[in-house]
Amino acid sequence: MVKTLTIMDDAYEMLKQRKGKDESFSDTIRRICQQRAQPNLSQFAGILPMANERAAEFHRSAKETRRQINKAFEKRRKELEKQWRA
């Protein structure tokens, strides 16, 4: 069975860009719809270790920033304490 579809020019261009050389538009639509409906788990391989590394780097950076802020705060507190006592 064949159906006729009307699509906007921009949608046609997007579909045309994703269409393989020896692939029909119907094949392209099937492939795209299948990819969205059933994600391939291999696409996610290696994501968690990278996420863990980024999380660890963020934690180290936050810890160092917190240390610097505390140091600056303590220095300023001591300066104000001296001024107040004088």
C-alpha atoms as a PDB file:
ATOM      1  CA  MET A   1       0.000   0.000   0.000  1.00  0.00           C
ATOM      2  CA  VAL A   2       1.242   3.514  -0.818  1.00  0.00           C
ATOM      3  CA  LYS A   3       0.337   6.771   0.970  1.00  0.00           C
ATOM      4  CA  THR A   4       1.049  10.308  -0.156  1.00  0.00           C
ATOM      5  CA  LEU A   5       2.408  12.678   2.492  1.00  0.00           C
ATOM      6  CA  THR A   6       2.693  16.439   2.480  1.00  0.00           C
ATOM      7  CA  ILE A   7       5.621  17.836   4.452  1.00  0.00           C
ATOM      8  CA  MET A   8       7.144  21.289   4.793  1.00  0.00           C
ATOM      9  CA  ASP A   9      10.276  22.106   2.774  1.00  0.00           C
ATOM     10  CA  ASP A  10      12.515  22.229   5.841  1.00  0.00           C
ATOM     11  CA  ALA A  11      11.331  18.785   6.985  1.00  0.00           C
ATOM     12  CA  TYR A  12      11.964  17.406   3.493  1.00  0.00           C
ATOM     13  CA  GLU A  13      15.516  18.815   3.502  1.00  0.00           C
ATOM     14  CA  MET A  14      16.193  17.309   6.931  1.00  0.00           C
ATOM     15  CA  LEU A  15      14.917  13.927   5.764  1.00  0.00           C
ATOM     16  CA  LYS A  16      16.884  14.177   2.514  1.00  0.00           C
ATOM     17  CA  GLN A  17      20.104  14.834   4.488  1.00  0.00           C
ATOM     18  CA  ARG A  18      19.579  11.671   6.551  1.00  0.00           C
ATOM     19  CA  LYS A  19      18.703   9.521   3.544  1.00  0.00           C
ATOM     20  CA  GLY A  20      21.369   7.043   2.477  1.00  0.00           C
ATOM     21  CA  LYS A  21      22.596   6.907  -1.118  1.00  0.00           C
ATOM     22  CA  ASP A  22      20.833   3.616  -1.915  1.00  0.00           C
ATOM     23  CA  GLU A  23      17.960   4.166   0.509  1.00  0.00           C
ATOM     24  CA  SER A  24      14.381   5.119  -0.288  1.00  0.00           C
ATOM     25  CA  PHE A  25      12.594   7.797   1.727  1.00  0.00           C
ATOM     26  CA  SER A  26      10.395   5.032   3.162  1.00  0.00           C
ATOM     27  CA  ASP A  27      13.497   3.124   4.288  1.00  0.00           C
ATOM     28  CA  THR A  28      14.903   6.321   5.831  1.00  0.00           C
ATOM     29  CA  ILE A  29      11.696   6.983   7.760  1.00  0.00           C
ATOM     30  CA  ARG A  30      11.596   3.368   8.992  1.00  0.00           C
ATOM     31  CA  ARG A  31      15.228   3.555  10.125  1.00  0.00           C
ATOM     32  CA  ILE A  32      14.744   6.853  11.952  1.00  0.00           C
ATOM     33  CA  CYS A  33      11.531   5.707  13.637  1.00  0.00           C
ATOM     34  CA  GLN A  34      13.086   2.394  14.663  1.00  0.00           C
ATOM     35  CA  GLN A  35      16.128   4.151  16.156  1.00  0.00           C
ATOM     36  CA  ARG A  36      13.903   6.380  18.265  1.00  0.00           C
ATOM     37  CA  ALA A  37      11.613   3.564  19.355  1.00  0.00           C
ATOM     38  CA  GLN A  38      14.391   1.108  20.237  1.00  0.00           C
ATOM     39  CA  PRO A  39      17.591   2.829  21.305  1.00  0.00           C
ATOM     40  CA  ASN A  40      20.683   0.767  20.771  1.00  0.00           C
ATOM     41  CA  LEU A  41      22.303   0.167  24.168  1.00  0.00           C
ATOM     42  CA  SER A  42      25.746   0.262  22.586  1.00  0.00           C
ATOM     43  CA  GLN A  43      25.200   4.006  22.104  1.00  0.00           C
ATOM     44  CA  PHE A  44      25.463   4.365  25.883  1.00  0.00           C
ATOM     45  CA  ALA A  45      28.620   2.288  26.323  1.00  0.00           C
ATOM     46  CA  GLY A  46      31.271   4.157  28.269  1.00  0.00           C
ATOM     47  CA  ILE A  47      29.048   7.025  29.366  1.00  0.00           C
ATOM     48  CA  LEU A  48      29.065   6.216  33.081  1.00  0.00           C
ATOM     49  CA  PRO A  49      32.832   6.100  33.569  1.00  0.00           C
ATOM     50  CA  MET A  50      33.098   9.466  31.811  1.00  0.00           C
ATOM     51  CA  ALA A  51      30.299  10.834  33.950  1.00  0.00           C
ATOM     52  CA  ASN A  52      32.055   9.522  37.071  1.00  0.00           C
ATOM     53  CA  GLU A  53      35.305  11.213  36.034  1.00  0.00           C
ATOM     54  CA  ARG A  54      33.493  14.488  35.431  1.00  0.00           C
ATOM     55  CA  ALA A  55      31.700  14.205  38.750  1.00  0.00           C
ATOM     56  CA  ALA A  56      34.992  13.555  40.554  1.00  0.00           C
ATOM     57  CA  GLU A  57      36.608  16.560  38.835  1.00  0.00           C
ATOM     58  CA  PHE A  58      33.619  18.734  39.761  1.00  0.00           C
ATOM     59  CA  HIS A  59      33.873  17.537  43.378  1.00  0.00           C
ATOM     60  CA  ARG A  60      37.615  18.330  43.511  1.00  0.00           C
ATOM     61  CA  SER A  61      37.023  21.748  41.977  1.00  0.00           C
ATOM     62  CA  ALA A  62      34.169  22.540  44.381  1.00  0.00           C
ATOM     63  CA  LYS A  63      36.258  21.400  47.346  1.00  0.00           C
ATOM     64  CA  GLU A  64      39.187  23.629  46.293  1.00  0.00           C
ATOM     65  CA  THR A  65      36.891  26.604  45.701  1.00  0.00           C
ATOM     66  CA  ARG A  66      35.299  26.086  49.123  1.00  0.00           C
ATOM     67  CA  ARG A  67      38.786  25.931  50.714  1.00  0.00           C
ATOM     68  CA  GLN A  68      39.809  29.205  49.044  1.00  0.00           C
ATOM     69  CA  ILE A  69      36.580  30.933  50.087  1.00  0.00           C
ATOM     70  CA  ASN A  70      36.988  29.762  53.689  1.00  0.00           C
ATOM     71  CA  LYS A  71      40.587  30.971  53.721  1.00  0.00           C
ATOM     72  CA  ALA A  72      39.608  34.407  52.363  1.00  0.00           C
ATOM     73  CA  PHE A  73      36.697  34.605  54.804  1.00  0.00           C
ATOM     74  CA  GLU A  74      38.914  33.789  57.767  1.00  0.00           C
ATOM     75  CA  LYS A  75      41.498  36.372  56.669  1.00  0.00           C
ATOM     76  CA  ARG A  76      38.807  39.051  56.338  1.00  0.00           C
ATOM     77  CA  ARG A  77      37.289  38.057  59.700  1.00  0.00           C
ATOM     78  CA  LYS A  78      40.663  38.510  61.409  1.00  0.00           C
ATOM     79  CA  GLU A  79      41.171  41.909  59.749  1.00  0.00           C
ATOM     80  CA  LEU A  80      37.762  43.116  60.903  1.00  0.00           C
ATOM     81  CA  GLU A  81      38.362  41.749  64.387  1.00  0.00           C
ATOM     82  CA  LYS A  82      41.614  43.759  64.604  1.00  0.00           C
ATOM     83  CA  GLN A  83      39.844  46.903  63.409  1.00  0.00           C
ATOM     84  CA  TRP A  84      37.018  46.429  65.878  1.00  0.00           C
ATOM     85  CA  ARG A  85      39.409  45.995  68.820  1.00  0.00           C
ATOM     86  CA  ALA A  86      41.497  49.021  67.893  1.00  0.00           C
END
